[in-house]
Structure formats: structure tokens, C-alpha cells
């Protein structure tokens, strides 16, 4: 049981760390541009999440969660938790008066984390 918790926490930390790096990259862009269509932005986050999933596969090719049932549970729960963390990061940024990006909202963070998790779920060994 403890091993499963470490594996689950590891998957969660991978997704949150990658999302945080993407968020830092987006904060460096020019803020004067016209915002994208929300559906297009969601598609962009899904593609970026899939690319990030591919990169994490290159770095960590094995599943951190070995049990098939637990891997499916991880696929459902970890993106929800990662989206929630991104939402909390957005609230924290808004309270500080910083710019809040789309990935700082639950839906966009969830889409990013879900596509990352799907790539890892399907292609990891």
C-alpha cells in the first residue's frame, strides 16, 4: 500500500512539475497579444500535454504504478489533482496581483495533465 502511495505521488509530481514549467514559459510571452479562442487554447494545451508526456516517457520509460487497476485509477485521479493544483496556483497568483493565465484554471490544467497521463498510460512499458 505504501509503495502504491509513493508511485501515485510520483506520477502526480511529474505532472505538476511539467505543468509548472509550461506555466513559467507562458508567463514569459508578450501579454499584449489578443487572446486565443478558448477551444483553440484547450487544443493547444492538450497537444503540449501530449508532447510533455512523450518527453517524460523518454526520461522515465517505465510505469511508476505497476498494477493495471491502479494505473487506471491513477489515470482518472492524477489529472484531477494536477488541475486542482493549477487552479490553486491561479488563485494564489490572482491574490498577489500577478497575471493569471489559462493554464492557471482547472479546466486547462486538467486537459494538459490528462493528455500527459494518457500518453504515459498508453505508451509506457
C-alpha atoms as a PDB file:
ATOM      1  CA  UNK A   1       0.000   0.000   0.000  1.00  0.00           C
ATOM      2  CA  UNK A   2       2.803   2.405   0.864  1.00  0.00           C
ATOM      3  CA  UNK A   3       4.501   1.544  -2.423  1.00  0.00           C
ATOM      4  CA  UNK A   4       1.311   2.498  -4.292  1.00  0.00           C
ATOM      5  CA  UNK A   5       1.179   5.845  -2.472  1.00  0.00           C
ATOM      6  CA  UNK A   6       4.766   6.606  -3.466  1.00  0.00           C
ATOM      7  CA  UNK A   7       4.026   5.642  -7.069  1.00  0.00           C
ATOM      8  CA  UNK A   8       0.879   7.769  -7.141  1.00  0.00           C
ATOM      9  CA  UNK A   9       2.678  10.724  -5.599  1.00  0.00           C
ATOM     10  CA  UNK A  10       5.469  10.280  -8.154  1.00  0.00           C
ATOM     11  CA  UNK A  11       3.030  10.413 -11.087  1.00  0.00           C
ATOM     12  CA  UNK A  12       1.343  13.451  -9.548  1.00  0.00           C
ATOM     13  CA  UNK A  13       4.645  15.259  -9.005  1.00  0.00           C
ATOM     14  CA  UNK A  14       5.724  14.594 -12.598  1.00  0.00           C
ATOM     15  CA  UNK A  15       2.529  16.152 -13.940  1.00  0.00           C
ATOM     16  CA  UNK A  16       2.576  19.157 -11.596  1.00  0.00           C
ATOM     17  CA  UNK A  17       6.267  19.832 -12.248  1.00  0.00           C
ATOM     18  CA  UNK A  18       5.813  19.738 -16.023  1.00  0.00           C
ATOM     19  CA  UNK A  19       2.727  21.964 -15.803  1.00  0.00           C
ATOM     20  CA  UNK A  20       4.620  24.444 -13.644  1.00  0.00           C
ATOM     21  CA  UNK A  21       7.428  24.605 -16.202  1.00  0.00           C
ATOM     22  CA  UNK A  22       4.931  25.194 -19.008  1.00  0.00           C
ATOM     23  CA  UNK A  23       3.233  27.890 -16.963  1.00  0.00           C
ATOM     24  CA  UNK A  24       6.547  29.646 -16.366  1.00  0.00           C
ATOM     25  CA  UNK A  25       7.207  29.534 -20.103  1.00  0.00           C
ATOM     26  CA  UNK A  26       3.819  31.069 -20.901  1.00  0.00           C
ATOM     27  CA  UNK A  27       4.357  33.861 -18.386  1.00  0.00           C
ATOM     28  CA  UNK A  28       7.391  34.928 -20.390  1.00  0.00           C
ATOM     29  CA  UNK A  29       5.290  35.619 -23.525  1.00  0.00           C
ATOM     30  CA  UNK A  30       4.109  39.071 -24.500  1.00  0.00           C
ATOM     31  CA  UNK A  31       0.824  39.890 -22.765  1.00  0.00           C
ATOM     32  CA  UNK A  32      -0.321  42.480 -25.332  1.00  0.00           C
ATOM     33  CA  UNK A  33      -1.485  39.905 -27.900  1.00  0.00           C
ATOM     34  CA  UNK A  34      -5.173  39.202 -28.470  1.00  0.00           C
ATOM     35  CA  UNK A  35      -6.324  36.108 -26.510  1.00  0.00           C
ATOM     36  CA  UNK A  36      -6.965  32.878 -28.423  1.00  0.00           C
ATOM     37  CA  UNK A  37     -10.304  31.189 -28.798  1.00  0.00           C
ATOM     38  CA  UNK A  38     -10.847  29.044 -25.649  1.00  0.00           C
ATOM     39  CA  UNK A  39     -11.348  25.861 -27.712  1.00  0.00           C
ATOM     40  CA  UNK A  40      -8.147  26.503 -29.638  1.00  0.00           C
ATOM     41  CA  UNK A  41      -6.291  27.177 -26.386  1.00  0.00           C
ATOM     42  CA  UNK A  42      -7.646  23.914 -24.941  1.00  0.00           C
ATOM     43  CA  UNK A  43      -6.454  22.029 -28.014  1.00  0.00           C
ATOM     44  CA  UNK A  44      -3.057  23.697 -27.657  1.00  0.00           C
ATOM     45  CA  UNK A  45      -2.802  22.621 -24.019  1.00  0.00           C
ATOM     46  CA  UNK A  46      -3.790  19.069 -24.987  1.00  0.00           C
ATOM     47  CA  UNK A  47      -1.045  18.984 -27.627  1.00  0.00           C
ATOM     48  CA  UNK A  48       1.503  20.447 -25.216  1.00  0.00           C
ATOM     49  CA  UNK A  49       0.484  17.879 -22.609  1.00  0.00           C
ATOM     50  CA  UNK A  50       0.960  15.058 -25.112  1.00  0.00           C
ATOM     51  CA  UNK A  51       4.396  16.398 -26.032  1.00  0.00           C
ATOM     52  CA  UNK A  52       5.273  16.678 -22.339  1.00  0.00           C
ATOM     53  CA  UNK A  53       4.068  13.103 -21.874  1.00  0.00           C
ATOM     54  CA  UNK A  54       6.387  11.991 -24.654  1.00  0.00           C
ATOM     55  CA  UNK A  55       9.299  13.790 -23.025  1.00  0.00           C
ATOM     56  CA  UNK A  56       8.571  12.178 -19.663  1.00  0.00           C
ATOM     57  CA  UNK A  57       8.439   8.793 -21.419  1.00  0.00           C
ATOM     58  CA  UNK A  58      11.904   9.432 -22.718  1.00  0.00           C
ATOM     59  CA  UNK A  59      13.114  10.310 -19.209  1.00  0.00           C
ATOM     60  CA  UNK A  60      11.063   7.686 -17.298  1.00  0.00           C
ATOM     61  CA  UNK A  61      10.060   4.914 -19.732  1.00  0.00           C
ATOM     62  CA  UNK A  62       8.522   2.609 -17.105  1.00  0.00           C
ATOM     63  CA  UNK A  63       5.201   2.999 -15.347  1.00  0.00           C
ATOM     64  CA  UNK A  64       5.584   4.195 -11.806  1.00  0.00           C
ATOM     65  CA  UNK A  65       2.356   2.371 -10.922  1.00  0.00           C
ATOM     66  CA  UNK A  66       2.663  -1.321 -11.807  1.00  0.00           C
ATOM     67  CA  UNK A  67      -0.836  -2.681 -11.090  1.00  0.00           C
ATOM     68  CA  UNK A  68      -3.214  -2.329 -14.088  1.00  0.00           C
ATOM     69  CA  UNK A  69      -6.247  -1.378 -11.975  1.00  0.00           C
ATOM     70  CA  UNK A  70      -4.244   1.176 -10.017  1.00  0.00           C
ATOM     71  CA  UNK A  71      -2.848   2.597 -13.275  1.00  0.00           C
ATOM     72  CA  UNK A  72      -6.405   3.203 -14.490  1.00  0.00           C
ATOM     73  CA  UNK A  73      -7.315   4.779 -11.162  1.00  0.00           C
ATOM     74  CA  UNK A  74      -4.192   6.914 -11.461  1.00  0.00           C
ATOM     75  CA  UNK A  75      -5.256   7.976 -14.959  1.00  0.00           C
ATOM     76  CA  UNK A  76      -8.529   9.269 -13.509  1.00  0.00           C
ATOM     77  CA  UNK A  77      -7.342  10.841 -10.266  1.00  0.00           C
ATOM     78  CA  UNK A  78      -3.949  12.362 -11.008  1.00  0.00           C
ATOM     79  CA  UNK A  79      -5.127  14.797 -13.731  1.00  0.00           C
ATOM     80  CA  UNK A  80      -7.931  15.931 -11.405  1.00  0.00           C
ATOM     81  CA  UNK A  81      -5.416  16.612  -8.659  1.00  0.00           C
ATOM     82  CA  UNK A  82      -2.990  18.346 -11.038  1.00  0.00           C
ATOM     83  CA  UNK A  83      -5.809  20.526 -12.418  1.00  0.00           C
ATOM     84  CA  UNK A  84      -6.761  21.405  -8.856  1.00  0.00           C
ATOM     85  CA  UNK A  85      -3.172  22.381  -8.073  1.00  0.00           C
ATOM     86  CA  UNK A  86      -3.063  24.620 -11.136  1.00  0.00           C
ATOM     87  CA  UNK A  87      -6.326  26.218 -10.033  1.00  0.00           C
ATOM     88  CA  UNK A  88      -4.828  26.876  -6.589  1.00  0.00           C
ATOM     89  CA  UNK A  89      -1.762  28.378  -8.255  1.00  0.00           C
ATOM     90  CA  UNK A  90      -4.084  30.678 -10.238  1.00  0.00           C
ATOM     91  CA  UNK A  91      -5.886  31.793  -7.067  1.00  0.00           C
ATOM     92  CA  UNK A  92      -2.532  32.438  -5.418  1.00  0.00           C
ATOM     93  CA  UNK A  93      -1.360  34.497  -8.421  1.00  0.00           C
ATOM     94  CA  UNK A  94      -4.602  36.485  -8.515  1.00  0.00           C
ATOM     95  CA  UNK A  95      -4.299  37.338  -4.810  1.00  0.00           C
ATOM     96  CA  UNK A  96      -0.784  38.607  -5.404  1.00  0.00           C
ATOM     97  CA  UNK A  97      -1.960  40.711  -8.344  1.00  0.00           C
ATOM     98  CA  UNK A  98       0.024  38.686 -10.898  1.00  0.00           C
ATOM     99  CA  UNK A  99      -1.266  37.820 -14.347  1.00  0.00           C
ATOM    100  CA  UNK A 100      -3.438  34.687 -14.386  1.00  0.00           C
ATOM    101  CA  UNK A 101      -3.050  32.525 -17.467  1.00  0.00           C
ATOM    102  CA  UNK A 102      -5.468  29.966 -18.841  1.00  0.00           C
ATOM    103  CA  UNK A 103      -3.388  27.080 -17.518  1.00  0.00           C
ATOM    104  CA  UNK A 104      -3.983  28.568 -14.060  1.00  0.00           C
ATOM    105  CA  UNK A 105      -7.611  27.468 -14.381  1.00  0.00           C
ATOM    106  CA  UNK A 106      -8.814  23.976 -13.537  1.00  0.00           C
ATOM    107  CA  UNK A 107     -10.114  23.001 -16.987  1.00  0.00           C
ATOM    108  CA  UNK A 108      -6.947  23.899 -18.877  1.00  0.00           C
ATOM    109  CA  UNK A 109      -4.676  22.362 -16.234  1.00  0.00           C
ATOM    110  CA  UNK A 110      -6.809  19.216 -16.304  1.00  0.00           C
ATOM    111  CA  UNK A 111      -6.670  18.946 -20.114  1.00  0.00           C
ATOM    112  CA  UNK A 112      -2.887  19.343 -20.053  1.00  0.00           C
ATOM    113  CA  UNK A 113      -2.433  16.762 -17.276  1.00  0.00           C
ATOM    114  CA  UNK A 114      -4.911  14.319 -18.824  1.00  0.00           C
ATOM    115  CA  UNK A 115      -3.163  14.320 -22.198  1.00  0.00           C
ATOM    116  CA  UNK A 116       0.203  13.871 -20.456  1.00  0.00           C
ATOM    117  CA  UNK A 117      -1.217  10.981 -18.400  1.00  0.00           C
ATOM    118  CA  UNK A 118      -2.856   9.378 -21.443  1.00  0.00           C
ATOM    119  CA  UNK A 119       0.423   9.340 -23.352  1.00  0.00           C
ATOM    120  CA  UNK A 120       2.182   7.776 -20.364  1.00  0.00           C
ATOM    121  CA  UNK A 121      -0.656   5.289 -19.844  1.00  0.00           C
ATOM    122  CA  UNK A 122      -0.706   4.113 -23.453  1.00  0.00           C
ATOM    123  CA  UNK A 123       2.997   4.125 -24.324  1.00  0.00           C
ATOM    124  CA  UNK A 124       4.909   3.420 -21.085  1.00  0.00           C
ATOM    125  CA  UNK A 125       6.308  -0.069 -20.691  1.00  0.00           C
END
